[in-house]
C-alpha cells in the first residue's frame, strides 16, 4: 500500500503538557496503516494570539501513513477530543492538545476543512525549528526548503528546548 510522509505539529499548554504530547504520539502510532518515524525535540514556546496563558510545549511528529489527508485529519480531531479538547473552542485559547497537519508529501489542499500545507507554517518558529530537527522538506507552494523559510520567518519568539523527550513506540 502506498505510504505518505506527513509532518504534524503537536502542542499543549494545559496540565501535564509533556504527558499530553506523549499520549497523542502513542495514539498516532496506533492509527491504521500509520507509523511514527520521527519526533522532534520539544520546545517551550510563547502563546500566540491570546498571550495571557501558560506557555506551550511544541514539537513536530513525522508519520508514514496510508491514510488520506481528510481521514488523517478526522483521526487527529478524534485524538484531540479523546485527550480532552472540546470540539468547539475559541481560537488561540489554551488547549490540552493541538494536532495540525503541516505537510503531506508535496500535496496542496485548500478547502473549508483542510489547508495543506498549513497556512501558518511559514510564520511560526515553533513549527519550523522542530520541523528542521527531523528534515528540511520543501514547501510545496513556495518551492523553498524549511531552512530558507526559517530565514524569512517574521516570528522572532525565543524557543526553549526541553531536556525531556517524547518516546517513540517501537
Protein backbone atom coordinates (compact mmCIF):
# COMPACT_ATOMS: atom_id res chain seq x y z
CA UNK A 1 0.00 0.00 0.00
CA UNK A 2 1.20 3.49 -0.84
CA UNK A 3 2.56 5.35 2.17
CA UNK A 4 2.81 9.10 2.55
CA UNK A 5 5.24 11.20 4.58
CA UNK A 6 3.35 13.59 6.84
CA UNK A 7 4.59 16.17 9.33
CA UNK A 8 2.24 17.05 12.19
CA UNK A 9 2.63 19.95 14.58
CA UNK A 10 1.83 18.98 18.18
CA UNK A 11 1.28 21.32 21.11
CA UNK A 12 -0.14 21.53 24.62
CA UNK A 13 -0.38 24.22 27.30
CA UNK A 14 -2.79 22.77 29.87
CA UNK A 15 -1.88 20.41 32.70
CA UNK A 16 0.96 17.93 32.23
CA UNK A 17 1.96 19.16 28.78
CA UNK A 18 4.65 16.55 28.16
CA UNK A 19 2.28 13.75 29.16
CA UNK A 20 -0.39 15.04 26.76
CA UNK A 21 2.13 15.15 23.92
CA UNK A 22 3.26 11.60 24.72
CA UNK A 23 -0.34 10.36 24.80
CA UNK A 24 -1.02 11.99 21.43
CA UNK A 25 2.08 10.38 19.88
CA UNK A 26 1.07 6.99 21.33
CA UNK A 27 -2.41 7.34 19.81
CA UNK A 28 -0.97 8.47 16.46
CA UNK A 29 1.24 5.37 16.39
CA UNK A 30 -1.84 3.17 16.82
CA UNK A 31 -3.66 4.59 13.79
CA UNK A 32 -4.31 2.12 10.98
CA UNK A 33 -1.53 1.78 8.40
CA UNK A 34 0.46 4.50 10.17
CA UNK A 35 3.89 4.55 11.76
CA UNK A 36 5.54 7.34 13.74
CA UNK A 37 9.00 7.60 12.16
CA UNK A 38 10.34 10.68 13.93
CA UNK A 39 9.73 13.04 16.83
CA UNK A 40 11.46 16.40 17.11
CA UNK A 41 12.86 17.92 20.24
CA UNK A 42 10.15 19.52 22.39
CA UNK A 43 10.27 23.28 22.87
CA UNK A 44 8.64 25.60 25.37
CA UNK A 45 7.16 28.50 23.43
CA UNK A 46 5.21 31.68 23.99
CA UNK A 47 1.48 31.57 23.21
CA UNK A 48 0.27 33.26 20.02
CA UNK A 49 -2.81 35.46 19.87
CA UNK A 50 -4.08 35.33 23.46
CA UNK A 51 -0.85 35.83 25.41
CA UNK A 52 -2.31 35.61 28.94
CA UNK A 53 -2.00 31.83 29.22
CA UNK A 54 0.58 29.16 30.01
CA UNK A 55 3.49 28.59 27.65
CA UNK A 56 3.14 25.80 25.14
CA UNK A 57 5.19 22.69 24.66
CA UNK A 58 5.52 22.25 20.90
CA UNK A 59 7.10 19.74 18.57
CA UNK A 60 6.74 18.01 15.22
CA UNK A 61 5.98 14.35 14.52
CA UNK A 62 6.82 12.61 11.25
CA UNK A 63 4.43 9.86 10.14
CA UNK A 64 4.43 7.35 7.32
CA UNK A 65 0.77 6.63 6.60
CA UNK A 66 -1.60 5.15 4.09
CA UNK A 67 -4.41 7.37 5.40
CA UNK A 68 -5.74 10.01 3.05
CA UNK A 69 -5.45 13.62 4.30
CA UNK A 70 -9.14 14.00 5.19
CA UNK A 71 -9.12 10.68 7.05
CA UNK A 72 -5.91 11.59 8.91
CA UNK A 73 -7.46 14.93 9.91
CA UNK A 74 -10.52 13.10 11.28
CA UNK A 75 -8.27 10.80 13.31
CA UNK A 76 -6.33 13.81 14.66
CA UNK A 77 -9.57 15.52 15.70
CA UNK A 78 -10.68 12.29 17.43
CA UNK A 79 -7.35 12.10 19.29
CA UNK A 80 -7.72 15.74 20.40
CA UNK A 81 -11.25 15.01 21.62
CA UNK A 82 -10.14 11.77 23.33
CA UNK A 83 -7.46 13.71 25.26
CA UNK A 84 -9.93 16.33 26.45
CA UNK A 85 -10.04 19.08 23.84
CA UNK A 86 -13.62 20.22 23.26
CA UNK A 87 -14.96 20.16 19.70
CA UNK A 88 -15.82 23.87 19.86
CA UNK A 89 -13.19 26.23 21.21
CA UNK A 90 -12.08 29.83 20.93
CA UNK A 91 -9.21 30.39 18.53
CA UNK A 92 -5.84 30.71 20.31
CA UNK A 93 -7.35 29.58 23.62
CA UNK A 94 -5.50 27.22 25.98
CA UNK A 95 -5.63 23.59 24.90
CA UNK A 96 -4.81 20.16 26.23
CA UNK A 97 -3.62 19.07 22.80
CA UNK A 98 -3.35 20.55 19.33
CA UNK A 99 -2.56 18.41 16.27
CA UNK A 100 -2.07 20.14 12.91
CA UNK A 101 -1.17 18.60 9.57
CA UNK A 102 1.74 20.75 8.40
CA UNK A 103 2.83 18.88 5.27
CA UNK A 104 1.54 15.78 3.50
CA UNK A 105 4.11 14.71 0.87
CA UNK A 106 4.12 17.61 -1.60
CA UNK A 107 0.34 17.80 -1.66
CA UNK A 108 -1.58 21.07 -1.64
CA UNK A 109 -5.20 21.21 -0.46
CA UNK A 110 -7.18 24.33 0.36
CA UNK A 111 -10.83 23.96 1.23
CA UNK A 112 -13.15 24.83 4.11
CA UNK A 113 -11.96 21.82 6.15
CA UNK A 114 -8.31 21.33 5.33
CA UNK A 115 -5.37 23.52 4.38
CA UNK A 116 -2.16 21.70 3.41
CA UNK A 117 0.49 22.98 3.70
CA UNK A 118 -0.64 24.53 6.98
CA UNK A 119 -1.31 28.22 6.32
CA UNK A 120 0.78 29.39 9.31
CA UNK A 121 3.76 27.10 8.63
CA UNK A 122 5.94 29.91 7.30
CA UNK A 123 5.04 32.26 10.19
CA UNK A 124 5.81 30.10 13.22
CA UNK A 125 9.26 29.47 14.68
CA UNK A 126 7.68 26.83 16.95
CA UNK A 127 6.80 24.85 13.82
CA UNK A 128 9.85 25.47 11.62
CA UNK A 129 12.54 24.78 14.22
CA UNK A 130 11.15 21.38 15.33
CA UNK A 131 10.45 20.50 11.68
CA UNK A 132 14.14 21.07 10.95
CA UNK A 133 15.01 18.66 13.78
CA UNK A 134 13.58 15.95 11.52
CA UNK A 135 14.16 17.07 7.93
CA UNK A 136 14.31 20.07 5.61
CA UNK A 137 11.25 19.47 3.42
CA UNK A 138 10.34 21.81 0.61
CA UNK A 139 7.21 23.92 0.93
CA UNK A 140 5.05 22.69 -2.00
CA UNK A 141 3.69 26.14 -2.88
CA UNK A 142 6.75 28.31 -2.24
CA UNK A 143 9.28 25.72 -3.51
CA UNK A 144 11.69 26.65 -0.73
CA UNK A 145 13.11 24.35 1.94
CA UNK A 146 12.06 24.84 5.57
CA UNK A 147 15.56 26.14 6.36
CA UNK A 148 15.07 29.03 3.91
CA UNK A 149 11.61 29.71 5.35
CA UNK A 150 13.18 29.99 8.80
CA UNK A 151 15.47 32.74 7.49
CA UNK A 152 12.46 34.86 6.46
CA UNK A 153 10.07 33.90 9.28
CA UNK A 154 8.50 37.04 10.79
CA UNK A 155 8.16 35.32 14.21
CA UNK A 156 11.02 36.37 16.48
CA UNK A 157 9.93 34.43 19.57
CA UNK A 158 12.52 32.50 21.56
CA UNK A 159 12.12 28.75 21.86
CA UNK A 160 13.49 26.89 24.88
CA UNK A 161 14.47 23.31 24.10
CA UNK A 162 13.45 20.92 26.86
CA UNK A 163 15.76 18.19 28.11
CA UNK A 164 12.89 15.71 28.24
CA UNK A 165 11.82 14.00 25.06
CA UNK A 166 8.79 12.20 23.72
CA UNK A 167 9.35 8.46 23.23
CA UNK A 168 8.55 6.62 20.03
CA UNK A 169 6.70 3.34 20.39
CA UNK A 170 8.65 0.55 18.71
